Amino acid sequence: MKSFSGSCHCGAVRFEIMSDFPELTTCDCSICRRKNALMVKVHQSQFKLLEGADSLTLYQFHTCTAQHYFCNVCGIYPFHRKRVTPDFFGINVFCLEGFEPSDIPVRATVGAGMA
């Protein structure tokens, strides 16, 4: 497991994760298609919000189970709490400092068909 620091674009939201990056995922649901994020799934015990809780805006839709967070200063999506596995976060790997995703397998997930 490696530790990575992450942040939104303006730096108001800062966090750390631990992951061995077995795979990255994309999702075809309506919000993920629009934000075009590449995500890694981490358990909540491997995620730590360092600062910026007051700069996060929560967005929910459909069943209002998943919790999508955006920086209310710069608008960047750094992470979300997952719908099917709410004890996990989906982390936008493009928000991680010094992370290169090119050699990690990417799995496309089907979110659009979830009822």
Protein backbone atom coordinates (compact mmCIF):
# COMPACT_ATOMS: atom_id res chain seq x y z
CA MET A 1 0.00 0.00 0.00
CA LYS A 2 1.20 3.48 -0.87
CA SER A 3 0.14 6.79 0.62
CA PHE A 4 -0.88 9.64 -1.69
CA SER A 5 -1.90 13.21 -0.97
CA GLY A 6 -4.66 14.77 -2.99
CA SER A 7 -6.46 18.06 -3.37
CA CYS A 8 -8.91 19.98 -5.45
CA HIS A 9 -7.56 22.53 -7.94
CA CYS A 10 -7.43 25.51 -5.57
CA GLY A 11 -6.14 23.49 -2.59
CA ALA A 12 -9.05 24.26 -0.28
CA VAL A 13 -9.82 20.52 0.00
CA ARG A 14 -6.89 18.28 0.96
CA PHE A 15 -6.92 14.55 1.68
CA GLU A 16 -4.75 11.43 1.90
CA ILE A 17 -5.41 7.88 0.75
CA MET A 18 -3.71 4.50 1.05
CA SER A 19 -4.04 2.11 -1.89
CA ASP A 20 -2.22 -0.56 -3.82
CA PHE A 21 -4.15 0.51 -6.97
CA PRO A 22 -5.22 -2.94 -8.22
CA GLU A 23 -7.39 -1.24 -10.84
CA LEU A 24 -8.93 2.07 -11.78
CA THR A 25 -12.53 2.47 -12.84
CA THR A 26 -14.70 4.58 -15.07
CA CYS A 27 -18.49 4.68 -14.80
CA ASP A 28 -21.20 5.27 -17.39
CA CYS A 29 -23.80 6.86 -15.10
CA SER A 30 -25.03 10.34 -15.98
CA ILE A 31 -22.78 12.23 -13.56
CA CYS A 32 -19.63 10.18 -14.11
CA ARG A 33 -19.92 10.53 -17.89
CA ARG A 34 -20.08 14.29 -17.48
CA LYS A 35 -17.24 14.63 -14.97
CA ASN A 36 -15.10 12.06 -16.86
CA ALA A 37 -13.19 11.01 -13.76
CA LEU A 38 -10.88 8.06 -13.43
CA MET A 39 -11.36 6.56 -9.98
CA VAL A 40 -9.73 4.26 -7.47
CA LYS A 41 -11.86 2.62 -4.79
CA VAL A 42 -10.57 2.92 -1.21
CA HIS A 43 -12.11 1.82 2.07
CA GLN A 44 -13.09 4.67 4.39
CA SER A 45 -10.34 3.55 6.78
CA GLN A 46 -7.81 4.32 4.00
CA PHE A 47 -9.13 7.84 3.43
CA LYS A 48 -8.43 10.89 5.56
CA LEU A 49 -9.83 14.37 4.91
CA LEU A 50 -7.07 16.71 6.07
CA GLU A 51 -8.75 20.05 5.48
CA GLY A 52 -11.57 21.69 3.64
CA ALA A 53 -14.68 20.01 5.02
CA ASP A 54 -16.34 23.44 4.98
CA SER A 55 -15.36 23.85 1.30
CA LEU A 56 -17.11 20.66 0.19
CA THR A 57 -20.53 20.72 -1.41
CA LEU A 58 -22.56 17.53 -1.44
CA TYR A 59 -24.50 16.56 -4.56
CA GLN A 60 -26.93 13.64 -4.66
CA PHE A 61 -29.38 12.42 -7.29
CA HIS A 62 -31.55 9.43 -8.24
CA THR A 63 -31.70 7.32 -5.01
CA CYS A 64 -29.71 9.97 -3.07
CA THR A 65 -27.48 7.22 -1.68
CA ALA A 66 -24.11 8.05 -3.27
CA GLN A 67 -22.53 11.23 -1.95
CA HIS A 68 -20.66 13.19 -4.62
CA TYR A 69 -18.43 15.94 -3.22
CA PHE A 70 -17.24 19.04 -5.05
CA CYS A 71 -15.08 21.95 -3.92
CA ASN A 72 -17.36 24.98 -3.60
CA VAL A 73 -14.43 27.27 -4.46
CA CYS A 74 -12.98 25.75 -7.67
CA GLY A 75 -15.70 23.21 -8.58
CA ILE A 76 -13.44 20.15 -8.79
CA TYR A 77 -14.75 16.68 -7.90
CA PRO A 78 -12.14 15.01 -5.65
CA PHE A 79 -14.15 12.02 -4.34
CA HIS A 80 -17.51 10.44 -3.63
CA ARG A 81 -18.90 7.95 -1.14
CA LYS A 82 -20.09 4.98 -3.17
CA ARG A 83 -23.73 3.94 -3.53
CA VAL A 84 -23.46 0.14 -3.49
CA THR A 85 -20.56 0.04 -1.00
CA PRO A 86 -21.02 3.14 1.19
CA ASP A 87 -18.02 2.27 3.37
CA PHE A 88 -15.83 2.96 0.31
CA PHE A 89 -14.86 6.15 -1.47
CA GLY A 90 -14.28 6.61 -5.19
CA ILE A 91 -11.24 8.88 -5.46
CA ASN A 92 -10.60 10.97 -8.57
CA VAL A 93 -7.00 9.91 -9.30
CA PHE A 94 -6.37 13.11 -11.25
CA CYS A 95 -6.52 14.91 -7.89
CA LEU A 96 -3.60 12.86 -6.49
CA GLU A 97 -0.18 14.51 -6.35
CA GLY A 98 2.54 12.74 -8.34
CA PHE A 99 0.29 9.87 -9.42
CA GLU A 100 0.68 8.37 -12.90
CA PRO A 101 -2.25 6.13 -13.90
CA SER A 102 -0.91 4.91 -17.26
CA ASP A 103 0.17 1.38 -16.25
CA ILE A 104 -2.86 0.47 -14.13
CA PRO A 105 -5.72 -1.55 -15.67
CA VAL A 106 -8.99 0.37 -16.13
CA ARG A 107 -12.34 -1.36 -15.68
CA ALA A 108 -15.49 0.21 -17.05
CA THR A 109 -18.35 -0.08 -14.55
CA VAL A 110 -22.01 0.05 -15.39
CA GLY A 111 -23.77 2.69 -13.32
CA ALA A 112 -26.38 3.81 -15.85
CA GLY A 113 -28.35 0.58 -15.53
CA MET A 114 -28.52 0.58 -11.73
CA ALA A 115 -32.08 0.80 -10.45
